[in-house]
Amino acid sequence: MNFYTRKWVKPEDLNAHGTLFGGSLLRWIDEEAAIYTIIQLGTNRCVTKYMSEINFINSARQGDIVELGIKAIQFGRTSLTLACEVRNKITHKSILTIDRIVFVCVDEHGKPAAHGKTAITYTDERLREE
């Protein structure tokens, strides 16, 4: 799993218990997963279709730095399925895991559309192709 994105837990990200609010973390994950999908599929016409069970393992507190890991695990005709782990950057303790996040490529009418990809393409490889 590649951990590219880091977030600093700030006061506005906390819940009433002084720990990272799950909704803030899920927003970060959805955005990071969408960016990953857009890069992999080469189009911004992607929507979140499904998230499997979300497993909160440990909490994060104000001042912690968390990192988001995303990995492509399956290419469908119109979809891309990802796995996600969020961990504390310093301790490497897992904060959350999601086994499956499914994004679907859509056409201009919002209907599923084939994307034609079958494997991960790394950004530097794509730049060399152009």
N, C-alpha and C. Protein backbone atom coordinates (compact mmCIF):
# COMPACT_ATOMS: atom_id res chain seq x y z
N MET A 1 0.85 -1.18 0.00
CA MET A 1 0.00 0.00 0.00
C MET A 1 0.89 1.23 0.00
N ASN A 2 0.53 2.21 -0.81
CA ASN A 2 1.30 3.44 -0.90
C ASN A 2 0.66 4.51 -0.02
N PHE A 3 1.47 5.13 0.83
CA PHE A 3 1.01 6.19 1.72
C PHE A 3 1.58 7.51 1.22
N TYR A 4 0.76 8.25 0.44
CA TYR A 4 1.22 9.50 -0.14
C TYR A 4 0.70 10.73 0.58
N THR A 5 -0.50 10.65 1.10
CA THR A 5 -1.15 11.84 1.67
C THR A 5 -1.05 11.84 3.19
N ARG A 6 -0.70 12.99 3.71
CA ARG A 6 -0.63 13.16 5.16
C ARG A 6 -1.54 14.31 5.56
N LYS A 7 -2.17 14.14 6.71
CA LYS A 7 -3.04 15.18 7.25
C LYS A 7 -2.64 15.43 8.70
N TRP A 8 -2.71 16.70 9.06
CA TRP A 8 -2.41 17.11 10.42
C TRP A 8 -3.75 17.29 11.13
N VAL A 9 -3.96 16.61 12.23
CA VAL A 9 -5.23 16.68 12.96
C VAL A 9 -5.28 18.00 13.73
N LYS A 10 -6.23 18.85 13.33
CA LYS A 10 -6.37 20.18 13.91
C LYS A 10 -7.66 20.27 14.75
N PRO A 11 -7.83 21.32 15.53
CA PRO A 11 -9.00 21.43 16.40
C PRO A 11 -10.34 21.26 15.66
N GLU A 12 -10.43 21.79 14.44
CA GLU A 12 -11.69 21.69 13.70
C GLU A 12 -12.00 20.27 13.22
N ASP A 13 -11.04 19.35 13.36
CA ASP A 13 -11.23 17.96 12.94
C ASP A 13 -11.67 17.05 14.09
N LEU A 14 -11.84 17.61 15.29
CA LEU A 14 -12.11 16.80 16.48
C LEU A 14 -13.60 16.63 16.76
N ASN A 15 -13.92 15.54 17.44
CA ASN A 15 -15.29 15.32 17.92
C ASN A 15 -15.42 15.81 19.36
N ALA A 16 -16.54 15.55 19.98
CA ALA A 16 -16.79 16.01 21.35
C ALA A 16 -15.89 15.34 22.37
N HIS A 17 -15.24 14.26 22.00
CA HIS A 17 -14.35 13.52 22.92
C HIS A 17 -12.89 13.92 22.75
N GLY A 18 -12.62 14.89 21.86
CA GLY A 18 -11.27 15.36 21.65
C GLY A 18 -10.42 14.48 20.75
N THR A 19 -11.08 13.57 20.04
CA THR A 19 -10.36 12.72 19.08
C THR A 19 -10.85 13.04 17.68
N LEU A 20 -10.14 12.51 16.70
CA LEU A 20 -10.48 12.77 15.31
C LEU A 20 -11.90 12.33 14.99
N PHE A 21 -12.70 13.24 14.46
CA PHE A 21 -14.08 12.97 14.08
C PHE A 21 -14.08 12.06 12.86
N GLY A 22 -14.83 10.97 12.93
CA GLY A 22 -14.89 10.00 11.84
C GLY A 22 -15.32 10.62 10.52
N GLY A 23 -16.23 11.57 10.57
CA GLY A 23 -16.70 12.22 9.34
C GLY A 23 -15.60 12.99 8.64
N SER A 24 -14.73 13.64 9.40
CA SER A 24 -13.58 14.35 8.80
C SER A 24 -12.65 13.35 8.13
N LEU A 25 -12.38 12.25 8.81
CA LEU A 25 -11.50 11.23 8.25
C LEU A 25 -12.09 10.61 6.99
N LEU A 26 -13.38 10.34 6.99
CA LEU A 26 -14.02 9.76 5.80
C LEU A 26 -14.01 10.74 4.63
N ARG A 27 -14.15 12.02 4.90
CA ARG A 27 -14.06 13.03 3.84
C ARG A 27 -12.67 13.01 3.22
N TRP A 28 -11.63 12.94 4.06
CA TRP A 28 -10.26 12.89 3.55
C TRP A 28 -10.05 11.63 2.70
N ILE A 29 -10.56 10.50 3.18
CA ILE A 29 -10.41 9.24 2.46
C ILE A 29 -11.11 9.30 1.11
N ASP A 30 -12.35 9.78 1.09
CA ASP A 30 -13.10 9.84 -0.17
C ASP A 30 -12.39 10.74 -1.18
N GLU A 31 -11.86 11.86 -0.72
CA GLU A 31 -11.14 12.76 -1.62
C GLU A 31 -9.87 12.10 -2.14
N GLU A 32 -9.08 11.49 -1.26
CA GLU A 32 -7.84 10.84 -1.68
C GLU A 32 -8.11 9.69 -2.63
N ALA A 33 -9.14 8.89 -2.33
CA ALA A 33 -9.50 7.76 -3.19
C ALA A 33 -9.98 8.26 -4.56
N ALA A 34 -10.72 9.36 -4.58
CA ALA A 34 -11.18 9.93 -5.85
C ALA A 34 -9.99 10.41 -6.69
N ILE A 35 -9.05 11.08 -6.07
CA ILE A 35 -7.87 11.56 -6.79
C ILE A 35 -7.08 10.37 -7.34
N TYR A 36 -6.90 9.35 -6.53
CA TYR A 36 -6.18 8.15 -6.97
C TYR A 36 -6.89 7.53 -8.19
N THR A 37 -8.21 7.43 -8.11
CA THR A 37 -9.00 6.86 -9.20
C THR A 37 -8.90 7.69 -10.46
N ILE A 38 -9.02 9.00 -10.33
CA ILE A 38 -8.92 9.89 -11.49
C ILE A 38 -7.57 9.72 -12.18
N ILE A 39 -6.51 9.62 -11.40
CA ILE A 39 -5.18 9.44 -11.98
C ILE A 39 -5.08 8.08 -12.67
N GLN A 40 -5.60 7.03 -12.03
CA GLN A 40 -5.51 5.70 -12.62
C GLN A 40 -6.35 5.56 -13.89
N LEU A 41 -7.55 6.10 -13.88
CA LEU A 41 -8.46 5.93 -15.01
C LEU A 41 -8.31 7.01 -16.07
N GLY A 42 -7.59 8.08 -15.74
CA GLY A 42 -7.34 9.13 -16.72
C GLY A 42 -8.56 9.98 -17.04
N THR A 43 -9.52 10.03 -16.12
CA THR A 43 -10.71 10.86 -16.31
C THR A 43 -11.24 11.31 -14.95
N ASN A 44 -11.84 12.51 -14.93
CA ASN A 44 -12.45 12.97 -13.68
C ASN A 44 -13.94 12.62 -13.61
N ARG A 45 -14.41 11.82 -14.54
CA ARG A 45 -15.80 11.36 -14.53
C ARG A 45 -15.91 10.07 -13.74
N CYS A 46 -15.63 10.16 -12.44
CA CYS A 46 -15.68 9.02 -11.53
C CYS A 46 -16.51 9.38 -10.31
N VAL A 47 -17.28 8.43 -9.84
CA VAL A 47 -18.09 8.66 -8.65
C VAL A 47 -17.89 7.51 -7.66
N THR A 48 -18.03 7.83 -6.37
CA THR A 48 -17.97 6.81 -5.34
C THR A 48 -19.25 5.99 -5.40
N LYS A 49 -19.11 4.69 -5.55
CA LYS A 49 -20.27 3.80 -5.64
C LYS A 49 -20.51 3.08 -4.32
N TYR A 50 -19.43 2.67 -3.64
CA TYR A 50 -19.59 1.78 -2.49
C TYR A 50 -18.38 1.86 -1.58
N MET A 51 -18.63 1.78 -0.28
CA MET A 51 -17.58 1.58 0.72
C MET A 51 -18.01 0.42 1.59
N SER A 52 -17.10 -0.54 1.77
CA SER A 52 -17.40 -1.69 2.62
C SER A 52 -17.34 -1.25 4.08
N GLU A 53 -17.41 -2.21 4.95
CA GLU A 53 -17.34 -1.93 6.39
C GLU A 53 -16.12 -1.08 6.69
N ILE A 54 -16.33 -0.08 7.52
CA ILE A 54 -15.26 0.81 7.94
C ILE A 54 -14.86 0.40 9.34
N ASN A 55 -13.60 0.02 9.50
CA ASN A 55 -13.12 -0.51 10.77
C ASN A 55 -12.24 0.52 11.47
N PHE A 56 -12.80 1.20 12.48
CA PHE A 56 -12.03 2.15 13.29
C PHE A 56 -11.26 1.34 14.33
N ILE A 57 -9.94 1.40 14.29
CA ILE A 57 -9.09 0.57 15.15
C ILE A 57 -8.53 1.37 16.32
N ASN A 58 -7.96 2.52 16.04
CA ASN A 58 -7.40 3.42 17.05
C ASN A 58 -7.85 4.84 16.74
N SER A 59 -7.77 5.70 17.72
CA SER A 59 -8.14 7.09 17.49
C SER A 59 -6.90 7.93 17.26
N ALA A 60 -7.13 9.12 16.77
CA ALA A 60 -6.07 10.11 16.60
C ALA A 60 -6.48 11.34 17.39
N ARG A 61 -5.50 12.07 17.86
CA ARG A 61 -5.74 13.27 18.67
C ARG A 61 -5.18 14.50 17.98
N GLN A 62 -5.58 15.66 18.50
CA GLN A 62 -5.09 16.92 17.95
C GLN A 62 -3.55 16.90 17.94
N GLY A 63 -2.99 17.33 16.83
CA GLY A 63 -1.54 17.39 16.69
C GLY A 63 -0.94 16.16 16.03
N ASP A 64 -1.70 15.05 16.01
CA ASP A 64 -1.20 13.85 15.33
C ASP A 64 -1.12 14.09 13.83
N ILE A 65 -0.23 13.40 13.20
CA ILE A 65 -0.14 13.40 11.73
C ILE A 65 -0.57 12.01 11.29
N VAL A 66 -1.58 11.98 10.44
CA VAL A 66 -2.06 10.70 9.93
C VAL A 66 -1.73 10.61 8.45
N GLU A 67 -1.51 9.40 7.97
CA GLU A 67 -1.25 9.21 6.55
C GLU A 67 -2.25 8.22 5.99
N LEU A 68 -2.67 8.50 4.76
CA LEU A 68 -3.68 7.70 4.08
C LEU A 68 -3.02 6.83 3.03
N GLY A 69 -3.30 5.54 3.10
CA GLY A 69 -2.78 4.60 2.13
C GLY A 69 -3.90 4.07 1.26
N ILE A 70 -3.66 4.06 -0.03
CA ILE A 70 -4.64 3.58 -1.01
C ILE A 70 -3.95 2.57 -1.91
N LYS A 71 -4.69 1.51 -2.25
CA LYS A 71 -4.15 0.50 -3.16
C LYS A 71 -5.27 0.01 -4.07
N ALA A 72 -5.00 -0.03 -5.37
CA ALA A 72 -5.97 -0.61 -6.32
C ALA A 72 -5.93 -2.12 -6.17
N ILE A 73 -7.11 -2.74 -6.01
CA ILE A 73 -7.13 -4.19 -5.85
C ILE A 73 -7.90 -4.90 -6.96
N GLN A 74 -8.70 -4.15 -7.74
CA GLN A 74 -9.42 -4.80 -8.83
C GLN A 74 -9.89 -3.77 -9.85
N PHE A 75 -9.69 -4.09 -11.12
CA PHE A 75 -10.21 -3.27 -12.21
C PHE A 75 -11.40 -3.99 -12.80
N GLY A 76 -12.55 -3.32 -12.85
CA GLY A 76 -13.73 -3.82 -13.54
C GLY A 76 -13.85 -3.11 -14.88
N ARG A 77 -14.85 -3.44 -15.65
CA ARG A 77 -15.06 -2.80 -16.95
C ARG A 77 -15.34 -1.31 -16.79
N THR A 78 -16.16 -0.96 -15.78
CA THR A 78 -16.51 0.45 -15.53
C THR A 78 -16.03 0.94 -14.17
N SER A 79 -15.42 0.05 -13.39
CA SER A 79 -15.10 0.38 -12.00
C SER A 79 -13.64 0.16 -11.65
N LEU A 80 -13.27 0.71 -10.51
CA LEU A 80 -11.97 0.47 -9.90
C LEU A 80 -12.23 0.28 -8.41
N THR A 81 -11.72 -0.81 -7.86
CA THR A 81 -11.89 -1.11 -6.44
C THR A 81 -10.57 -0.89 -5.73
N LEU A 82 -10.65 -0.17 -4.62
CA LEU A 82 -9.48 0.20 -3.83
C LEU A 82 -9.59 -0.36 -2.42
N ALA A 83 -8.44 -0.49 -1.76
CA ALA A 83 -8.38 -0.77 -0.32
C ALA A 83 -7.73 0.45 0.32
N CYS A 84 -8.03 0.68 1.59
CA CYS A 84 -7.51 1.87 2.27
C CYS A 84 -7.09 1.53 3.69
N GLU A 85 -5.99 2.13 4.10
CA GLU A 85 -5.57 2.10 5.50
C GLU A 85 -5.14 3.50 5.88
N VAL A 86 -5.54 3.92 7.07
CA VAL A 86 -5.08 5.18 7.62
C VAL A 86 -4.29 4.84 8.88
N ARG A 87 -3.11 5.42 9.01
CA ARG A 87 -2.28 5.12 10.17
C ARG A 87 -1.63 6.38 10.70
N ASN A 88 -1.20 6.31 11.94
CA ASN A 88 -0.46 7.39 12.56
C ASN A 88 0.94 7.42 11.94
N LYS A 89 1.36 8.55 11.45
CA LYS A 89 2.64 8.67 10.75
C LYS A 89 3.81 8.34 11.66
N ILE A 90 3.74 8.71 12.91
CA ILE A 90 4.87 8.52 13.82
C ILE A 90 4.91 7.10 14.39
N THR A 91 3.77 6.62 14.89
CA THR A 91 3.74 5.30 15.56
C THR A 91 3.45 4.15 14.59
N HIS A 92 2.93 4.46 13.43
CA HIS A 92 2.50 3.48 12.41
C HIS A 92 1.34 2.61 12.90
N LYS A 93 0.67 3.00 13.99
CA LYS A 93 -0.52 2.28 14.44
C LYS A 93 -1.67 2.57 13.47
N SER A 94 -2.39 1.53 13.09
CA SER A 94 -3.56 1.70 12.23
C SER A 94 -4.64 2.47 12.96
N ILE A 95 -5.25 3.39 12.25
CA ILE A 95 -6.38 4.16 12.78
C ILE A 95 -7.67 3.61 12.19
N LEU A 96 -7.63 3.23 10.92
CA LEU A 96 -8.83 2.79 10.22
C LEU A 96 -8.42 1.92 9.03
N THR A 97 -9.28 0.96 8.69
CA THR A 97 -9.12 0.21 7.45
C THR A 97 -10.47 0.12 6.75
N ILE A 98 -10.41 0.11 5.43
CA ILE A 98 -11.59 -0.13 4.59
C ILE A 98 -11.15 -1.14 3.55
N ASP A 99 -11.81 -2.29 3.52
CA ASP A 99 -11.41 -3.35 2.60
C ASP A 99 -11.71 -3.02 1.15
N ARG A 100 -12.84 -2.33 0.90
CA ARG A 100 -13.23 -2.07 -0.48
C ARG A 100 -13.89 -0.70 -0.62
N ILE A 101 -13.36 0.08 -1.54
CA ILE A 101 -14.00 1.33 -1.96
C ILE A 101 -14.13 1.21 -3.48
N VAL A 102 -15.34 1.30 -3.99
CA VAL A 102 -15.57 1.12 -5.42
C VAL A 102 -15.93 2.47 -6.05
N PHE A 103 -15.19 2.81 -7.09
CA PHE A 103 -15.49 3.98 -7.90
C PHE A 103 -15.95 3.50 -9.27
N VAL A 104 -16.90 4.22 -9.85
CA VAL A 104 -17.41 3.89 -11.18
C VAL A 104 -17.17 5.06 -12.10
N CYS A 105 -16.69 4.75 -13.30
CA CYS A 105 -16.51 5.74 -14.35
C CYS A 105 -17.89 5.97 -14.98
N VAL A 106 -18.26 7.23 -15.18
CA VAL A 106 -19.58 7.54 -15.74
C VAL A 106 -19.44 8.43 -16.97
N ASP A 107 -20.48 8.38 -17.82
CA ASP A 107 -20.51 9.24 -19.01
C ASP A 107 -21.13 10.59 -18.64
N GLU A 108 -21.37 11.42 -19.65
CA GLU A 108 -21.91 12.76 -19.39
C GLU A 108 -23.33 12.75 -18.84
N HIS A 109 -24.02 11.59 -18.91
CA HIS A 109 -25.37 11.46 -18.36
C HIS A 109 -25.39 10.76 -17.01
N GLY A 110 -24.21 10.47 -16.48
CA GLY A 110 -24.12 9.81 -15.18
C GLY A 110 -24.30 8.30 -15.24
N LYS A 111 -24.27 7.73 -16.41
CA LYS A 111 -24.41 6.28 -16.58
C LYS A 111 -23.03 5.63 -16.61
N PRO A 112 -22.89 4.40 -16.06
CA PRO A 112 -21.59 3.73 -16.08
C PRO A 112 -21.02 3.65 -17.50
N ALA A 113 -19.72 3.91 -17.59
CA ALA A 113 -19.03 3.91 -18.88
C ALA A 113 -17.72 3.14 -18.75
N ALA A 114 -17.39 2.37 -19.75
CA ALA A 114 -16.14 1.61 -19.75
C ALA A 114 -14.95 2.56 -19.71
N HIS A 115 -13.94 2.20 -18.95
CA HIS A 115 -12.75 3.05 -18.85
C HIS A 115 -11.55 2.47 -19.62
N GLY A 116 -11.56 1.19 -19.94
CA GLY A 116 -10.51 0.60 -20.76
C GLY A 116 -9.19 0.31 -20.06
N LYS A 117 -9.12 0.46 -18.74
CA LYS A 117 -7.88 0.22 -18.00
C LYS A 117 -7.93 -1.17 -17.35
N THR A 118 -6.77 -1.80 -17.23
CA THR A 118 -6.72 -3.14 -16.62
C THR A 118 -5.62 -3.28 -15.59
N ALA A 119 -4.77 -2.28 -15.46
CA ALA A 119 -3.65 -2.36 -14.52
C ALA A 119 -3.27 -0.97 -14.03
N ILE A 120 -2.57 -0.93 -12.92
CA ILE A 120 -2.11 0.33 -12.35
C ILE A 120 -1.09 0.97 -13.29
N THR A 121 -1.26 2.27 -13.50
CA THR A 121 -0.29 3.06 -14.26
C THR A 121 0.26 4.09 -13.29
N TYR A 122 1.58 4.14 -13.20
CA TYR A 122 2.20 5.12 -12.32
C TYR A 122 2.36 6.44 -13.07
N THR A 123 2.28 7.53 -12.35
CA THR A 123 2.27 8.85 -12.95
C THR A 123 3.47 9.07 -13.86
N ASP A 124 4.67 8.66 -13.43
CA ASP A 124 5.85 8.89 -14.26
C ASP A 124 5.79 8.08 -15.56
N GLU A 125 5.18 6.89 -15.52
CA GLU A 125 5.00 6.11 -16.75
C GLU A 125 4.06 6.81 -17.71
N ARG A 126 2.97 7.37 -17.19
CA ARG A 126 2.01 8.06 -18.03
C ARG A 126 2.64 9.28 -18.68
N LEU A 127 3.48 10.00 -17.94
CA LEU A 127 4.13 11.19 -18.49
C LEU A 127 5.08 10.83 -19.62
N ARG A 128 5.73 9.68 -19.52
CA ARG A 128 6.65 9.25 -20.57
C ARG A 128 5.89 8.87 -21.83
N GLU A 129 4.64 8.40 -21.69
CA GLU A 129 3.85 7.95 -22.84
C GLU A 129 3.37 9.12 -23.69
N GLU A 130 3.18 10.26 -23.10
CA GLU A 130 2.61 11.41 -23.81
C GLU A 130 3.59 12.08 -24.73
